[in-house]
C-alpha cells in the first residue's frame, strides 16, 4: 500500500508527465538522454528512443527517479511505449512502480484510438474516454507542449495545459539555456489537474527537442537537462 504524502504526490506527478511524442524520425535523434535534478543534485535519468515503424513511429522511454525528504525516500520507475501515425496517437501503454518506505504501488495504463477516432484509456482494468485530441504531456518534445487537453501517463487522468502569461514579464526573465552552442527558446505553461496545479518551463532546441525542462510543484522543483547521447 502506497503512503500518500506531499513527497509522493510530487514524485508521481513529475513522471506522470509524458516523455515522448511523434516527430519525424529522420529529423530527430534516435536516442535522447536526460538527467533529472533536484536542485543541484542528480536524482534520476530519462532515456527516450525513437524507432520508425510501418505505421509511423514507435517511441519508448524509461525513467527512474529517487527523491528524499526528511526521513522519507520515494522511488519511481516508469516505462512507456507510444505508437504514432503522423501526428495521431494510435496506442500507448505504460507501467509505473512507486515505492516509499514500507509500501509499493504499481499501475498499468493502456490508451488506444478506436475506429471511431475516440481515445479510450484503461487503468488497472477500469476504462474511461479521453478527448480525441488529448496528447501525452511530453518531457522531451515541444510539439506536445501546447495549450489544450493532455493526459497523465500513470493514471490516464485529464490534464489541461495553459500558457502562462507571466513568462514574458520583465520581473520574471527566463534563464538563457544553450545546447551544443545553440540558444534554446523559452516557453512556460501552467498544468491543471482538478485542484492540482504546477508550472512547466521548457527550453526548446532544434526540431522542437527539449533542451531543459523545469517542473514546480509547491516547494518542489525538478529539472530535466538533456545530455549528449554516448
Protein backbone atom coordinates (compact mmCIF):
# COMPACT_ATOMS: atom_id res chain seq x y z
CA UNK A 1 0.00 0.00 0.00
CA UNK A 2 1.41 3.37 -1.01
CA UNK A 3 1.67 6.02 1.68
CA UNK A 4 0.15 9.26 0.43
CA UNK A 5 2.42 12.18 1.37
CA UNK A 6 3.26 15.50 -0.31
CA UNK A 7 6.51 13.89 -1.44
CA UNK A 8 4.70 11.00 -3.12
CA UNK A 9 2.14 13.30 -4.70
CA UNK A 10 5.02 15.29 -6.17
CA UNK A 11 7.03 12.35 -7.45
CA UNK A 12 4.01 10.71 -9.07
CA UNK A 13 3.01 13.96 -10.73
CA UNK A 14 6.50 14.51 -12.09
CA UNK A 15 6.77 11.27 -14.01
CA UNK A 16 3.09 11.46 -14.91
CA UNK A 17 4.26 13.98 -17.47
CA UNK A 18 4.80 12.18 -20.72
CA UNK A 19 8.17 11.52 -22.29
CA UNK A 20 7.61 11.20 -25.99
CA UNK A 21 5.67 12.45 -28.98
CA UNK A 22 5.59 11.83 -32.72
CA UNK A 23 8.33 13.69 -34.56
CA UNK A 24 9.84 12.90 -37.91
CA UNK A 25 12.19 10.01 -37.28
CA UNK A 26 14.64 11.13 -39.93
CA UNK A 27 14.83 14.64 -38.43
CA UNK A 28 15.33 13.64 -34.80
CA UNK A 29 17.94 11.80 -32.77
CA UNK A 30 17.17 8.12 -32.27
CA UNK A 31 18.17 8.35 -28.60
CA UNK A 32 17.71 11.15 -26.09
CA UNK A 33 19.15 11.20 -22.57
CA UNK A 34 18.17 13.49 -19.69
CA UNK A 35 19.50 13.91 -16.18
CA UNK A 36 16.85 14.67 -13.54
CA UNK A 37 17.96 17.21 -10.94
CA UNK A 38 16.52 18.03 -7.53
CA UNK A 39 18.18 21.40 -7.04
CA UNK A 40 21.81 20.71 -7.97
CA UNK A 41 21.63 17.02 -7.10
CA UNK A 42 21.13 14.35 -9.75
CA UNK A 43 18.27 12.10 -8.63
CA UNK A 44 17.35 10.20 -11.77
CA UNK A 45 17.51 9.84 -15.51
CA UNK A 46 15.24 9.56 -18.53
CA UNK A 47 16.03 7.74 -21.77
CA UNK A 48 13.90 8.07 -24.92
CA UNK A 49 14.36 6.03 -28.11
CA UNK A 50 12.66 6.50 -31.48
CA UNK A 51 12.07 3.69 -33.95
CA UNK A 52 10.40 4.01 -37.36
CA UNK A 53 7.58 1.53 -38.00
CA UNK A 54 5.36 0.67 -40.98
CA UNK A 55 2.60 2.77 -39.38
CA UNK A 56 4.83 5.72 -38.49
CA UNK A 57 6.84 5.87 -35.27
CA UNK A 58 7.31 3.93 -32.06
CA UNK A 59 8.61 5.96 -29.11
CA UNK A 60 9.85 4.18 -26.00
CA UNK A 61 11.02 5.71 -22.76
CA UNK A 62 12.35 4.54 -19.42
CA UNK A 63 12.65 6.83 -16.41
CA UNK A 64 13.95 6.33 -12.88
CA UNK A 65 13.66 8.86 -10.06
CA UNK A 66 14.54 8.81 -6.35
CA UNK A 67 13.69 11.68 -4.00
CA UNK A 68 14.47 12.17 -0.33
CA UNK A 69 12.61 14.50 2.03
CA UNK A 70 13.27 14.41 5.76
CA UNK A 71 13.19 10.72 6.75
CA UNK A 72 11.33 9.53 3.64
CA UNK A 73 12.74 8.13 0.42
CA UNK A 74 10.49 7.78 -2.62
CA UNK A 75 11.38 5.83 -5.75
CA UNK A 76 9.57 5.78 -9.06
CA UNK A 77 10.22 3.78 -12.23
CA UNK A 78 8.20 4.15 -15.42
CA UNK A 79 8.31 2.63 -18.89
CA UNK A 80 6.17 3.91 -21.75
CA UNK A 81 5.60 2.81 -25.35
CA UNK A 82 3.73 5.02 -27.81
CA UNK A 83 2.70 4.23 -31.38
CA UNK A 84 2.07 7.15 -33.71
CA UNK A 85 0.84 7.63 -37.27
CA UNK A 86 1.83 11.12 -38.31
CA UNK A 87 0.53 13.39 -35.55
CA UNK A 88 -2.14 10.91 -34.44
CA UNK A 89 -1.61 8.73 -31.37
CA UNK A 90 -2.67 5.16 -32.18
CA UNK A 91 -1.83 3.46 -28.88
CA UNK A 92 0.07 3.94 -25.64
CA UNK A 93 1.00 1.63 -22.79
CA UNK A 94 2.79 2.42 -19.54
CA UNK A 95 3.92 0.60 -16.41
CA UNK A 96 4.63 2.68 -13.30
CA UNK A 97 6.06 1.46 -9.99
CA UNK A 98 6.38 3.75 -6.98
CA UNK A 99 7.85 2.78 -3.63
CA UNK A 100 8.04 4.68 -0.36
CA UNK A 101 9.34 3.36 2.98
CA UNK A 102 7.06 0.38 3.75
CA UNK A 103 4.84 0.31 0.67
CA UNK A 104 4.85 -0.20 -3.08
CA UNK A 105 2.29 0.71 -5.75
CA UNK A 106 2.03 -0.48 -9.34
CA UNK A 107 -0.16 0.89 -12.11
CA UNK A 108 -0.73 -0.15 -15.72
CA UNK A 109 -2.19 2.22 -18.31
CA UNK A 110 -3.31 1.42 -21.87
CA UNK A 111 -4.65 4.05 -24.27
CA UNK A 112 -5.95 3.17 -27.73
CA UNK A 113 -7.60 5.01 -30.58
CA UNK A 114 -10.81 3.31 -31.64
CA UNK A 115 -12.12 3.11 -35.21
CA UNK A 116 -14.48 6.00 -34.41
CA UNK A 117 -11.47 8.20 -33.66
CA UNK A 118 -12.13 8.30 -29.91
CA UNK A 119 -9.38 7.74 -27.37
CA UNK A 120 -10.06 5.22 -24.61
CA UNK A 121 -7.88 4.78 -21.52
CA UNK A 122 -7.83 1.67 -19.34
CA UNK A 123 -6.13 1.79 -15.92
CA UNK A 124 -5.85 -1.43 -13.95
CA UNK A 125 -8.91 -2.83 -15.75
CA UNK A 126 -11.12 0.28 -15.47
CA UNK A 127 -11.82 2.30 -18.63
CA UNK A 128 -12.78 5.88 -19.41
CA UNK A 129 -12.87 8.09 -22.51
CA UNK A 130 -10.42 10.88 -23.31
CA UNK A 131 -10.94 13.81 -25.69
CA UNK A 132 -9.92 12.68 -29.19
CA UNK A 133 -7.32 15.46 -29.39
CA UNK A 134 -5.75 14.72 -25.97
CA UNK A 135 -1.96 14.33 -26.01
CA UNK A 136 0.52 12.77 -23.63
CA UNK A 137 2.30 15.64 -21.90
CA UNK A 138 5.83 15.34 -23.23
CA UNK A 139 9.03 15.90 -21.29
CA UNK A 140 11.25 15.97 -24.37
CA UNK A 141 9.15 17.15 -27.33
CA UNK A 142 7.89 20.72 -27.64
CA UNK A 143 5.20 19.52 -30.05
CA UNK A 144 3.07 18.36 -27.12
CA UNK A 145 3.78 21.48 -25.08
CA UNK A 146 0.75 23.29 -26.45
CA UNK A 147 -2.44 24.59 -24.87
CA UNK A 148 -5.24 22.04 -24.64
CA UNK A 149 -6.11 18.63 -23.19
CA UNK A 150 -3.40 16.17 -22.19
CA UNK A 151 -3.41 13.05 -20.06
CA UNK A 152 -1.45 11.68 -17.13
CA UNK A 153 0.78 8.76 -18.14
CA UNK A 154 0.26 6.97 -14.84
CA UNK A 155 -3.50 7.27 -14.24
CA UNK A 156 -4.88 8.45 -17.60
CA UNK A 157 -6.43 11.46 -15.83
CA UNK A 158 -7.12 14.55 -17.91
CA UNK A 159 -4.67 17.46 -17.56
CA UNK A 160 -5.19 20.91 -19.07
CA UNK A 161 -2.13 22.83 -20.21
CA UNK A 162 -2.46 26.61 -20.29
CA UNK A 163 0.02 29.22 -21.46
CA UNK A 164 1.39 31.22 -18.54
CA UNK A 165 1.20 34.94 -19.33
CA UNK A 166 3.90 35.75 -16.79
CA UNK A 167 6.51 34.02 -18.96
CA UNK A 168 7.36 37.30 -20.69
CA UNK A 169 7.10 39.57 -17.65
CA UNK A 170 10.18 41.75 -17.12
CA UNK A 171 10.11 40.80 -13.45
CA UNK A 172 10.48 37.11 -14.35
CA UNK A 173 13.07 36.87 -17.14
CA UNK A 174 13.72 33.34 -18.42
CA UNK A 175 17.10 31.73 -17.89
CA UNK A 176 19.22 31.53 -21.05
CA UNK A 177 19.83 27.89 -21.96
CA UNK A 178 22.11 26.62 -24.73
CA UNK A 179 22.56 23.12 -26.11
CA UNK A 180 25.60 22.36 -28.26
CA UNK A 181 26.17 26.09 -28.72
CA UNK A 182 22.62 26.97 -29.82
CA UNK A 183 20.32 29.10 -27.67
CA UNK A 184 17.05 27.31 -26.88
CA UNK A 185 13.76 29.22 -26.99
CA UNK A 186 11.66 29.50 -23.84
CA UNK A 187 8.04 28.51 -23.16
CA UNK A 188 6.09 28.47 -19.91
CA UNK A 189 2.80 26.78 -19.04
CA UNK A 190 0.52 26.02 -16.15
CA UNK A 191 -0.58 22.39 -15.76
CA UNK A 192 -4.06 21.97 -14.23
CA UNK A 193 -5.46 18.67 -12.95
CA UNK A 194 -8.52 19.46 -10.81
CA UNK A 195 -7.20 21.38 -7.81
CA UNK A 196 -3.61 20.36 -8.56
CA UNK A 197 -1.52 22.99 -10.32
CA UNK A 198 2.10 23.11 -11.40
CA UNK A 199 4.30 25.34 -13.52
CA UNK A 200 6.18 23.89 -16.50
CA UNK A 201 9.03 25.88 -18.04
CA UNK A 202 10.66 24.45 -21.16
CA UNK A 203 13.53 25.43 -23.43
CA UNK A 204 13.27 24.03 -26.96
CA UNK A 205 16.07 23.45 -29.42
CA UNK A 206 16.32 22.15 -32.96
CA UNK A 207 13.34 20.05 -34.15
CA UNK A 208 11.40 21.13 -31.03
CA UNK A 209 13.51 18.84 -28.86
CA UNK A 210 13.54 19.92 -25.21
CA UNK A 211 16.98 21.09 -24.02
CA UNK A 212 15.83 21.72 -20.45
CA UNK A 213 12.51 21.46 -18.61
CA UNK A 214 11.63 22.52 -15.07
CA UNK A 215 8.53 21.45 -13.15
CA UNK A 216 7.46 23.32 -10.00
CA UNK A 217 5.04 21.62 -7.57
CA UNK A 218 4.59 23.78 -4.50
CA UNK A 219 8.04 23.99 -2.92
CA UNK A 220 9.46 21.20 -5.07
CA UNK A 221 11.37 21.97 -8.26
CA UNK A 222 12.75 19.26 -10.51
CA UNK A 223 14.64 19.88 -13.71
CA UNK A 224 15.30 17.67 -16.74
CA UNK A 225 18.58 18.54 -18.51
CA UNK A 226 19.46 17.00 -21.84
CA UNK A 227 22.90 15.50 -22.20
CA UNK A 228 24.67 14.16 -25.31
CA UNK A 229 23.98 10.53 -26.10
CA UNK A 230 27.12 8.35 -25.89
